[in-house]
Amino acid sequence: AGIRYFDTAPHYGAGLAERRLGDFLTGSGRPRTEY
């Protein structure tokens, strides 16, 4: 949908949110400058 800003925190899901977001962003090879 064009969303490129993602907010997370250790608090959310006791770390799950950070892991799942990281898996999505880094696992697909998306350029770091795009988000």
PDB file of all heavy atoms in Angstrom:
ATOM      1  N   ALA A   1       0.817  -1.215   0.000  1.00  0.00           N
ATOM      2  CA  ALA A   1       0.000   0.000   0.000  1.00  0.00           C
ATOM      3  C   ALA A   1       0.851   1.266   0.000  1.00  0.00           C
ATOM      4  O   ALA A   1       0.314   2.370  -0.053  1.00  0.00           O
ATOM      5  CB  ALA A   1      -0.919   0.007   1.212  1.00  0.00           C
ATOM      6  N   GLY A   2       2.168   1.117   0.081  1.00  0.00           N
ATOM      7  CA  GLY A   2       3.055   2.274   0.054  1.00  0.00           C
ATOM      8  C   GLY A   2       3.513   2.750   1.412  1.00  0.00           C
ATOM      9  O   GLY A   2       4.192   3.777   1.515  1.00  0.00           O
ATOM     10  N   ILE A   3       3.150   2.033   2.468  1.00  0.00           N
ATOM     11  CA  ILE A   3       3.566   2.432   3.818  1.00  0.00           C
ATOM     12  C   ILE A   3       5.040   2.106   4.010  1.00  0.00           C
ATOM     13  O   ILE A   3       5.477   0.983   3.746  1.00  0.00           O
ATOM     14  CB  ILE A   3       2.702   1.715   4.876  1.00  0.00           C
ATOM     15  CG1 ILE A   3       1.260   2.215   4.757  1.00  0.00           C
ATOM     16  CG2 ILE A   3       3.249   1.945   6.284  1.00  0.00           C
ATOM     17  CD1 ILE A   3       0.255   1.397   5.536  1.00  0.00           C
ATOM     18  N   ARG A   4       5.790   3.086   4.505  1.00  0.00           N
ATOM     19  CA  ARG A   4       7.233   2.903   4.659  1.00  0.00           C
ATOM     20  C   ARG A   4       7.738   3.290   6.056  1.00  0.00           C
ATOM     21  O   ARG A   4       8.946   3.277   6.290  1.00  0.00           O
ATOM     22  CB  ARG A   4       7.991   3.731   3.605  1.00  0.00           C
ATOM     23  CG  ARG A   4       7.750   3.279   2.168  1.00  0.00           C
ATOM     24  CD  ARG A   4       8.314   1.898   1.908  1.00  0.00           C
ATOM     25  NE  ARG A   4       8.150   1.477   0.532  1.00  0.00           N
ATOM     26  CZ  ARG A   4       7.095   0.808   0.070  1.00  0.00           C
ATOM     27  NH1 ARG A   4       6.102   0.500   0.907  1.00  0.00           N
ATOM     28  NH2 ARG A   4       7.011   0.453  -1.190  1.00  0.00           N
ATOM     29  N   TYR A   5       6.827   3.669   6.940  1.00  0.00           N
ATOM     30  CA  TYR A   5       7.217   3.949   8.328  1.00  0.00           C
ATOM     31  C   TYR A   5       6.594   2.910   9.229  1.00  0.00           C
ATOM     32  O   TYR A   5       5.381   2.676   9.186  1.00  0.00           O
ATOM     33  CB  TYR A   5       6.779   5.361   8.750  1.00  0.00           C
ATOM     34  CG  TYR A   5       6.896   5.602  10.246  1.00  0.00           C
ATOM     35  CD1 TYR A   5       8.079   5.299  10.926  1.00  0.00           C
ATOM     36  CD2 TYR A   5       5.832   6.110  10.975  1.00  0.00           C
ATOM     37  CE1 TYR A   5       8.178   5.489  12.297  1.00  0.00           C
ATOM     38  CE2 TYR A   5       5.931   6.317  12.345  1.00  0.00           C
ATOM     39  CZ  TYR A   5       7.113   6.005  12.997  1.00  0.00           C
ATOM     40  OH  TYR A   5       7.208   6.173  14.355  1.00  0.00           O
ATOM     41  N   PHE A   6       7.420   2.270  10.061  1.00  0.00           N
ATOM     42  CA  PHE A   6       6.969   1.214  10.959  1.00  0.00           C
ATOM     43  C   PHE A   6       7.442   1.527  12.376  1.00  0.00           C
ATOM     44  O   PHE A   6       8.618   1.823  12.593  1.00  0.00           O
ATOM     45  CB  PHE A   6       7.524  -0.139  10.511  1.00  0.00           C
ATOM     46  CG  PHE A   6       7.154  -0.498   9.099  1.00  0.00           C
ATOM     47  CD1 PHE A   6       7.975  -0.153   8.035  1.00  0.00           C
ATOM     48  CD2 PHE A   6       5.978  -1.177   8.830  1.00  0.00           C
ATOM     49  CE1 PHE A   6       7.632  -0.470   6.729  1.00  0.00           C
ATOM     50  CE2 PHE A   6       5.622  -1.505   7.528  1.00  0.00           C
ATOM     51  CZ  PHE A   6       6.450  -1.155   6.473  1.00  0.00           C
ATOM     52  N   ASP A   7       6.513   1.449  13.329  1.00  0.00           N
ATOM     53  CA  ASP A   7       6.820   1.730  14.732  1.00  0.00           C
ATOM     54  C   ASP A   7       6.705   0.447  15.541  1.00  0.00           C
ATOM     55  O   ASP A   7       5.739  -0.303  15.396  1.00  0.00           O
ATOM     56  CB  ASP A   7       5.847   2.780  15.277  1.00  0.00           C
ATOM     57  CG  ASP A   7       6.046   3.010  16.770  1.00  0.00           C
ATOM     58  OD1 ASP A   7       7.121   3.520  17.149  1.00  0.00           O
ATOM     59  OD2 ASP A   7       5.143   2.664  17.543  1.00  0.00           O
ATOM     60  N   THR A   8       7.667   0.193  16.399  1.00  0.00           N
ATOM     61  CA  THR A   8       7.656  -1.010  17.211  1.00  0.00           C
ATOM     62  C   THR A   8       8.217  -0.692  18.589  1.00  0.00           C
ATOM     63  O   THR A   8       8.491   0.460  18.908  1.00  0.00           O
ATOM     64  CB  THR A   8       8.445  -2.141  16.518  1.00  0.00           C
ATOM     65  OG1 THR A   8       8.302  -3.353  17.265  1.00  0.00           O
ATOM     66  CG2 THR A   8       9.920  -1.788  16.361  1.00  0.00           C
ATOM     67  N   ALA A   9       8.388  -1.718  19.429  1.00  0.00           N
ATOM     68  CA  ALA A   9       8.928  -1.540  20.777  1.00  0.00           C
ATOM     69  C   ALA A   9       9.167  -2.901  21.404  1.00  0.00           C
ATOM     70  O   ALA A   9       8.459  -3.866  21.088  1.00  0.00           O
ATOM     71  CB  ALA A   9       7.960  -0.734  21.652  1.00  0.00           C
ATOM     72  N   PRO A  10      10.131  -3.004  22.322  1.00  0.00           N
ATOM     73  CA  PRO A  10      10.300  -4.258  23.066  1.00  0.00           C
ATOM     74  C   PRO A  10       9.016  -4.657  23.801  1.00  0.00           C
ATOM     75  O   PRO A  10       8.724  -5.839  23.963  1.00  0.00           O
ATOM     76  CB  PRO A  10      11.427  -3.933  24.052  1.00  0.00           C
ATOM     77  CG  PRO A  10      12.185  -2.820  23.410  1.00  0.00           C
ATOM     78  CD  PRO A  10      11.155  -2.008  22.678  1.00  0.00           C
ATOM     79  N   HIS A  11       8.272  -3.672  24.267  1.00  0.00           N
ATOM     80  CA  HIS A  11       7.050  -3.904  25.040  1.00  0.00           C
ATOM     81  C   HIS A  11       6.028  -4.725  24.258  1.00  0.00           C
ATOM     82  O   HIS A  11       5.280  -5.516  24.833  1.00  0.00           O
ATOM     83  CB  HIS A  11       6.469  -2.542  25.426  1.00  0.00           C
ATOM     84  CG  HIS A  11       5.238  -2.597  26.269  1.00  0.00           C
ATOM     85  ND1 HIS A  11       5.034  -3.523  27.270  1.00  0.00           N
ATOM     86  CD2 HIS A  11       4.117  -1.811  26.253  1.00  0.00           C
ATOM     87  CE1 HIS A  11       3.860  -3.310  27.846  1.00  0.00           C
ATOM     88  NE2 HIS A  11       3.285  -2.282  27.240  1.00  0.00           N
ATOM     89  N   TYR A  12       5.965  -4.537  22.943  1.00  0.00           N
ATOM     90  CA  TYR A  12       4.925  -5.153  22.140  1.00  0.00           C
ATOM     91  C   TYR A  12       5.228  -6.628  21.906  1.00  0.00           C
ATOM     92  O   TYR A  12       6.153  -6.983  21.174  1.00  0.00           O
ATOM     93  CB  TYR A  12       4.762  -4.421  20.813  1.00  0.00           C
ATOM     94  CG  TYR A  12       4.545  -2.927  20.953  1.00  0.00           C
ATOM     95  CD1 TYR A  12       4.966  -2.046  19.974  1.00  0.00           C
ATOM     96  CD2 TYR A  12       3.918  -2.398  22.083  1.00  0.00           C
ATOM     97  CE1 TYR A  12       4.768  -0.680  20.094  1.00  0.00           C
ATOM     98  CE2 TYR A  12       3.717  -1.038  22.218  1.00  0.00           C
ATOM     99  CZ  TYR A  12       4.146  -0.179  21.226  1.00  0.00           C
ATOM    100  OH  TYR A  12       3.961   1.170  21.352  1.00  0.00           O
ATOM    101  N   GLY A  13       4.425  -7.472  22.549  1.00  0.00           N
ATOM    102  CA  GLY A  13       4.629  -8.898  22.407  1.00  0.00           C
ATOM    103  C   GLY A  13       5.908  -9.399  23.036  1.00  0.00           C
ATOM    104  O   GLY A  13       6.406 -10.464  22.662  1.00  0.00           O
ATOM    105  N   ALA A  14       6.445  -8.662  24.012  1.00  0.00           N
ATOM    106  CA  ALA A  14       7.692  -9.054  24.677  1.00  0.00           C
ATOM    107  C   ALA A  14       8.759  -9.417  23.656  1.00  0.00           C
ATOM    108  O   ALA A  14       9.400 -10.465  23.732  1.00  0.00           O
ATOM    109  CB  ALA A  14       7.440 -10.211  25.639  1.00  0.00           C
ATOM    110  N   GLY A  15       8.959  -8.522  22.693  1.00  0.00           N
ATOM    111  CA  GLY A  15      10.000  -8.715  21.693  1.00  0.00           C
ATOM    112  C   GLY A  15       9.520  -9.295  20.381  1.00  0.00           C
ATOM    113  O   GLY A  15      10.218  -9.192  19.361  1.00  0.00           O
ATOM    114  N   LEU A  16       8.335  -9.899  20.367  1.00  0.00           N
ATOM    115  CA  LEU A  16       7.835 -10.514  19.138  1.00  0.00           C
ATOM    116  C   LEU A  16       7.666  -9.494  18.008  1.00  0.00           C
ATOM    117  O   LEU A  16       7.963  -9.786  16.849  1.00  0.00           O
ATOM    118  CB  LEU A  16       6.491 -11.198  19.397  1.00  0.00           C
ATOM    119  CG  LEU A  16       6.513 -12.658  19.843  1.00  0.00           C
ATOM    120  CD1 LEU A  16       5.085 -13.151  20.063  1.00  0.00           C
ATOM    121  CD2 LEU A  16       7.220 -13.524  18.820  1.00  0.00           C
ATOM    122  N   ALA A  17       7.158  -8.320  18.336  1.00  0.00           N
ATOM    123  CA  ALA A  17       6.910  -7.319  17.300  1.00  0.00           C
ATOM    124  C   ALA A  17       8.208  -6.931  16.604  1.00  0.00           C
ATOM    125  O   ALA A  17       8.259  -6.808  15.378  1.00  0.00           O
ATOM    126  CB  ALA A  17       6.243  -6.086  17.898  1.00  0.00           C
ATOM    127  N   GLU A  18       9.274  -6.724  17.371  1.00  0.00           N
ATOM    128  CA  GLU A  18      10.555  -6.359  16.768  1.00  0.00           C
ATOM    129  C   GLU A  18      11.091  -7.486  15.900  1.00  0.00           C
ATOM    130  O   GLU A  18      11.615  -7.257  14.804  1.00  0.00           O
ATOM    131  CB  GLU A  18      11.571  -5.994  17.852  1.00  0.00           C
ATOM    132  CG  GLU A  18      11.243  -4.680  18.557  1.00  0.00           C
ATOM    133  CD  GLU A  18      12.286  -4.304  19.593  1.00  0.00           C
ATOM    134  OE1 GLU A  18      12.804  -5.213  20.285  1.00  0.00           O
ATOM    135  OE2 GLU A  18      12.581  -3.094  19.723  1.00  0.00           O
ATOM    136  N   ARG A  19      10.966  -8.730  16.377  1.00  0.00           N
ATOM    137  CA  ARG A  19      11.485  -9.853  15.593  1.00  0.00           C
ATOM    138  C   ARG A  19      10.712 -10.025  14.290  1.00  0.00           C
ATOM    139  O   ARG A  19      11.302 -10.226  13.224  1.00  0.00           O
ATOM    140  CB  ARG A  19      11.426 -11.138  16.424  1.00  0.00           C
ATOM    141  CG  ARG A  19      12.494 -11.207  17.504  1.00  0.00           C
ATOM    142  CD  ARG A  19      12.774 -12.648  17.917  1.00  0.00           C
ATOM    143  NE  ARG A  19      11.619 -13.249  18.582  1.00  0.00           N
ATOM    144  CZ  ARG A  19      11.381 -13.130  19.885  1.00  0.00           C
ATOM    145  NH1 ARG A  19      12.181 -12.406  20.641  1.00  0.00           N
ATOM    146  NH2 ARG A  19      10.335 -13.729  20.419  1.00  0.00           N
ATOM    147  N   ARG A  20       9.403  -9.950  14.377  1.00  0.00           N
ATOM    148  CA  ARG A  20       8.598 -10.158  13.173  1.00  0.00           C
ATOM    149  C   ARG A  20       8.767  -9.024  12.165  1.00  0.00           C
ATOM    150  O   ARG A  20       8.820  -9.261  10.954  1.00  0.00           O
ATOM    151  CB  ARG A  20       7.128 -10.334  13.559  1.00  0.00           C
ATOM    152  CG  ARG A  20       6.888 -11.658  14.271  1.00  0.00           C
ATOM    153  CD  ARG A  20       5.476 -11.783  14.805  1.00  0.00           C
ATOM    154  NE  ARG A  20       5.240 -13.124  15.345  1.00  0.00           N
ATOM    155  CZ  ARG A  20       4.168 -13.484  16.016  1.00  0.00           C
ATOM    156  NH1 ARG A  20       3.216 -12.582  16.272  1.00  0.00           N
ATOM    157  NH2 ARG A  20       4.024 -14.712  16.462  1.00  0.00           N
ATOM    158  N   LEU A  21       8.861  -7.807  12.665  1.00  0.00           N
ATOM    159  CA  LEU A  21       9.106  -6.684  11.759  1.00  0.00           C
ATOM    160  C   LEU A  21      10.477  -6.824  11.104  1.00  0.00           C
ATOM    161  O   LEU A  21      10.623  -6.628   9.896  1.00  0.00           O
ATOM    162  CB  LEU A  21       9.017  -5.361  12.519  1.00  0.00           C
ATOM    163  CG  LEU A  21       9.332  -4.098  11.710  1.00  0.00           C
ATOM    164  CD1 LEU A  21       8.371  -3.941  10.544  1.00  0.00           C
ATOM    165  CD2 LEU A  21       9.302  -2.861  12.603  1.00  0.00           C
ATOM    166  N   GLY A  22      11.487  -7.169  11.912  1.00  0.00           N
ATOM    167  CA  GLY A  22      12.825  -7.341  11.364  1.00  0.00           C
ATOM    168  C   GLY A  22      12.892  -8.458  10.340  1.00  0.00           C
ATOM    169  O   GLY A  22      13.547  -8.323   9.292  1.00  0.00           O
ATOM    170  N   ASP A  23      12.218  -9.574  10.619  1.00  0.00           N
ATOM    171  CA  ASP A  23      12.183 -10.681   9.658  1.00  0.00           C
ATOM    172  C   ASP A  23      11.624 -10.218   8.324  1.00  0.00           C
ATOM    173  O   ASP A  23      12.136 -10.572   7.252  1.00  0.00           O
ATOM    174  CB  ASP A  23      11.324 -11.832  10.189  1.00  0.00           C
ATOM    175  CG  ASP A  23      11.994 -12.595  11.324  1.00  0.00           C
ATOM    176  OD1 ASP A  23      13.222 -12.427  11.511  1.00  0.00           O
ATOM    177  OD2 ASP A  23      11.290 -13.340  12.020  1.00  0.00           O
ATOM    178  N   PHE A  24      10.573  -9.416   8.387  1.00  0.00           N
ATOM    179  CA  PHE A  24       9.935  -8.942   7.155  1.00  0.00           C
ATOM    180  C   PHE A  24      10.842  -7.987   6.385  1.00  0.00           C
ATOM    181  O   PHE A  24      11.016  -8.120   5.175  1.00  0.00           O
ATOM    182  CB  PHE A  24       8.612  -8.248   7.479  1.00  0.00           C
ATOM    183  CG  PHE A  24       7.964  -7.613   6.284  1.00  0.00           C
ATOM    184  CD1 PHE A  24       7.261  -8.383   5.371  1.00  0.00           C
ATOM    185  CD2 PHE A  24       8.074  -6.257   6.060  1.00  0.00           C
ATOM    186  CE1 PHE A  24       6.666  -7.807   4.251  1.00  0.00           C
ATOM    187  CE2 PHE A  24       7.484  -5.661   4.956  1.00  0.00           C
ATOM    188  CZ  PHE A  24       6.777  -6.446   4.044  1.00  0.00           C
ATOM    189  N   LEU A  25      11.433  -7.041   7.082  1.00  0.00           N
ATOM    190  CA  LEU A  25      12.217  -6.008   6.400  1.00  0.00           C
ATOM    191  C   LEU A  25      13.561  -6.523   5.906  1.00  0.00           C
ATOM    192  O   LEU A  25      14.002  -6.169   4.814  1.00  0.00           O
ATOM    193  CB  LEU A  25      12.420  -4.817   7.340  1.00  0.00           C
ATOM    194  CG  LEU A  25      11.162  -4.026   7.693  1.00  0.00           C
ATOM    195  CD1 LEU A  25      11.484  -2.973   8.743  1.00  0.00           C
ATOM    196  CD2 LEU A  25      10.541  -3.383   6.455  1.00  0.00           C
ATOM    197  N   THR A  26      14.211  -7.341   6.700  1.00  0.00           N
ATOM    198  CA  THR A  26      15.552  -7.797   6.316  1.00  0.00           C
ATOM    199  C   THR A  26      15.521  -9.080   5.498  1.00  0.00           C
ATOM    200  O   THR A  26      16.406  -9.306   4.669  1.00  0.00           O
ATOM    201  CB  THR A  26      16.428  -8.030   7.558  1.00  0.00           C
ATOM    202  OG1 THR A  26      15.864  -9.080   8.362  1.00  0.00           O
ATOM    203  CG2 THR A  26      16.530  -6.761   8.390  1.00  0.00           C
ATOM    204  N   GLY A  27      14.516  -9.912   5.714  1.00  0.00           N
ATOM    205  CA  GLY A  27      14.473 -11.190   5.018  1.00  0.00           C
ATOM    206  C   GLY A  27      14.151 -11.079   3.548  1.00  0.00           C
ATOM    207  O   GLY A  27      14.410 -12.006   2.768  1.00  0.00           O
ATOM    208  N   SER A  28      13.588  -9.958   3.145  1.00  0.00           N
ATOM    209  CA  SER A  28      13.189  -9.784   1.746  1.00  0.00           C
ATOM    210  C   SER A  28      14.199  -8.987   0.942  1.00  0.00           C
ATOM    211  O   SER A  28      13.999  -8.756  -0.251  1.00  0.00           O
ATOM    212  CB  SER A  28      11.841  -9.070   1.694  1.00  0.00           C
ATOM    213  OG  SER A  28      11.938  -7.828   2.374  1.00  0.00           O
ATOM    214  N   GLY A  29      15.257  -8.530   1.606  1.00  0.00           N
ATOM    215  CA  GLY A  29      16.273  -7.767   0.891  1.00  0.00           C
ATOM    216  C   GLY A  29      15.847  -6.369   0.502  1.00  0.00           C
ATOM    217  O   GLY A  29      16.412  -5.779  -0.424  1.00  0.00           O
ATOM    218  N   ARG A  30      14.856  -5.815   1.204  1.00  0.00           N
ATOM    219  CA  ARG A  30      14.432  -4.446   0.879  1.00  0.00           C
ATOM    220  C   ARG A  30      15.533  -3.459   1.242  1.00  0.00           C
ATOM    221  O   ARG A  30      16.069  -3.516   2.347  1.00  0.00           O
ATOM    222  CB  ARG A  30      13.143  -4.111   1.632  1.00  0.00           C
ATOM    223  CG  ARG A  30      11.941  -4.905   1.152  1.00  0.00           C
ATOM    224  CD  ARG A  30      10.692  -4.576   1.948  1.00  0.00           C
ATOM    225  NE  ARG A  30       9.528  -5.234   1.359  1.00  0.00           N
ATOM    226  CZ  ARG A  30       9.172  -6.492   1.595  1.00  0.00           C
ATOM    227  NH1 ARG A  30       9.892  -7.218   2.460  1.00  0.00           N
ATOM    228  NH2 ARG A  30       8.124  -7.029   1.011  1.00  0.00           N
ATOM    229  N   PRO A  31      15.848  -2.523   0.360  1.00  0.00           N
ATOM    230  CA  PRO A  31      16.911  -1.551   0.652  1.00  0.00           C
ATOM    231  C   PRO A  31      16.616  -0.763   1.931  1.00  0.00           C
ATOM    232  O   PRO A  31      15.494  -0.286   2.118  1.00  0.00           O
ATOM    233  CB  PRO A  31      16.901  -0.642  -0.580  1.00  0.00           C
ATOM    234  CG  PRO A  31      16.310  -1.487  -1.666  1.00  0.00           C
ATOM    235  CD  PRO A  31      15.292  -2.351  -0.987  1.00  0.00           C
ATOM    236  N   ARG A  32      17.615  -0.638   2.783  1.00  0.00           N
ATOM    237  CA  ARG A  32      17.424   0.039   4.067  1.00  0.00           C
ATOM    238  C   ARG A  32      17.021   1.492   3.890  1.00  0.00           C
ATOM    239  O   ARG A  32      16.379   2.081   4.775  1.00  0.00           O
ATOM    240  CB  ARG A  32      18.710  -0.062   4.897  1.00  0.00           C
ATOM    241  CG  ARG A  32      18.604   0.547   6.297  1.00  0.00           C
ATOM    242  CD  ARG A  32      17.577  -0.204   7.130  1.00  0.00           C
ATOM    243  NE  ARG A  32      17.421   0.364   8.466  1.00  0.00           N
ATOM    244  CZ  ARG A  32      16.624   1.379   8.749  1.00  0.00           C
ATOM    245  NH1 ARG A  32      15.893   1.958   7.783  1.00  0.00           N
ATOM    246  NH2 ARG A  32      16.513   1.829   9.987  1.00  0.00           N
ATOM    247  N   THR A  33      17.359   2.100   2.788  1.00  0.00           N
ATOM    248  CA  THR A  33      17.033   3.511   2.566  1.00  0.00           C
ATOM    249  C   THR A  33      15.569   3.723   2.199  1.00  0.00           C
ATOM    250  O   THR A  33      15.107   4.864   2.154  1.00  0.00           O
ATOM    251  CB  THR A  33      17.902   4.086   1.444  1.00  0.00           C
ATOM    252  OG1 THR A  33      17.746   3.278   0.260  1.00  0.00           O
ATOM    253  CG2 THR A  33      19.372   4.112   1.846  1.00  0.00           C
ATOM    254  N   GLU A  34      14.831   2.643   1.986  1.00  0.00           N
ATOM    255  CA  GLU A  34      13.450   2.774   1.525  1.00  0.00           C
ATOM    256  C   GLU A  34      12.433   2.821   2.662  1.00  0.00           C
ATOM    257  O   GLU A  34      11.254   3.066   2.420  1.00  0.00           O
ATOM    258  CB  GLU A  34      13.097   1.630   0.567  1.00  0.00           C
ATOM    259  CG  GLU A  34      13.773   1.735  -0.783  1.00  0.00           C
ATOM    260  CD  GLU A  34      13.195   0.737  -1.783  1.00  0.00           C
ATOM    261  OE1 GLU A  34      12.149   0.113  -1.473  1.00  0.00           O
ATOM    262  OE2 GLU A  34      13.800   0.579  -2.854  1.00  0.00           O
ATOM    263  N   TYR A  35      12.858   2.547   3.897  1.00  0.00           N
ATOM    264  CA  TYR A  35      11.897   2.538   4.988  1.00  0.00           C
ATOM    265  C   TYR A  35      12.491   3.163   6.241  1.00  0.00           C
ATOM    266  O   TYR A  35      13.702   3.291   6.386  1.00  0.00           O
ATOM    267  CB  TYR A  35      11.414   1.116   5.286  1.00  0.00           C
ATOM    268  CG  TYR A  35      12.502   0.123   5.605  1.00  0.00           C
ATOM    269  CD1 TYR A  35      13.022  -0.009   6.891  1.00  0.00           C
ATOM    270  CD2 TYR A  35      13.024  -0.702   4.607  1.00  0.00           C
ATOM    271  CE1 TYR A  35      14.023  -0.921   7.185  1.00  0.00           C
ATOM    272  CE2 TYR A  35      14.027  -1.626   4.881  1.00  0.00           C
ATOM    273  CZ  TYR A  35      14.521  -1.731   6.172  1.00  0.00           C
ATOM    274  OH  TYR A  35      15.509  -2.625   6.456  1.00  0.00           O
TER     275      TYR A  35
END
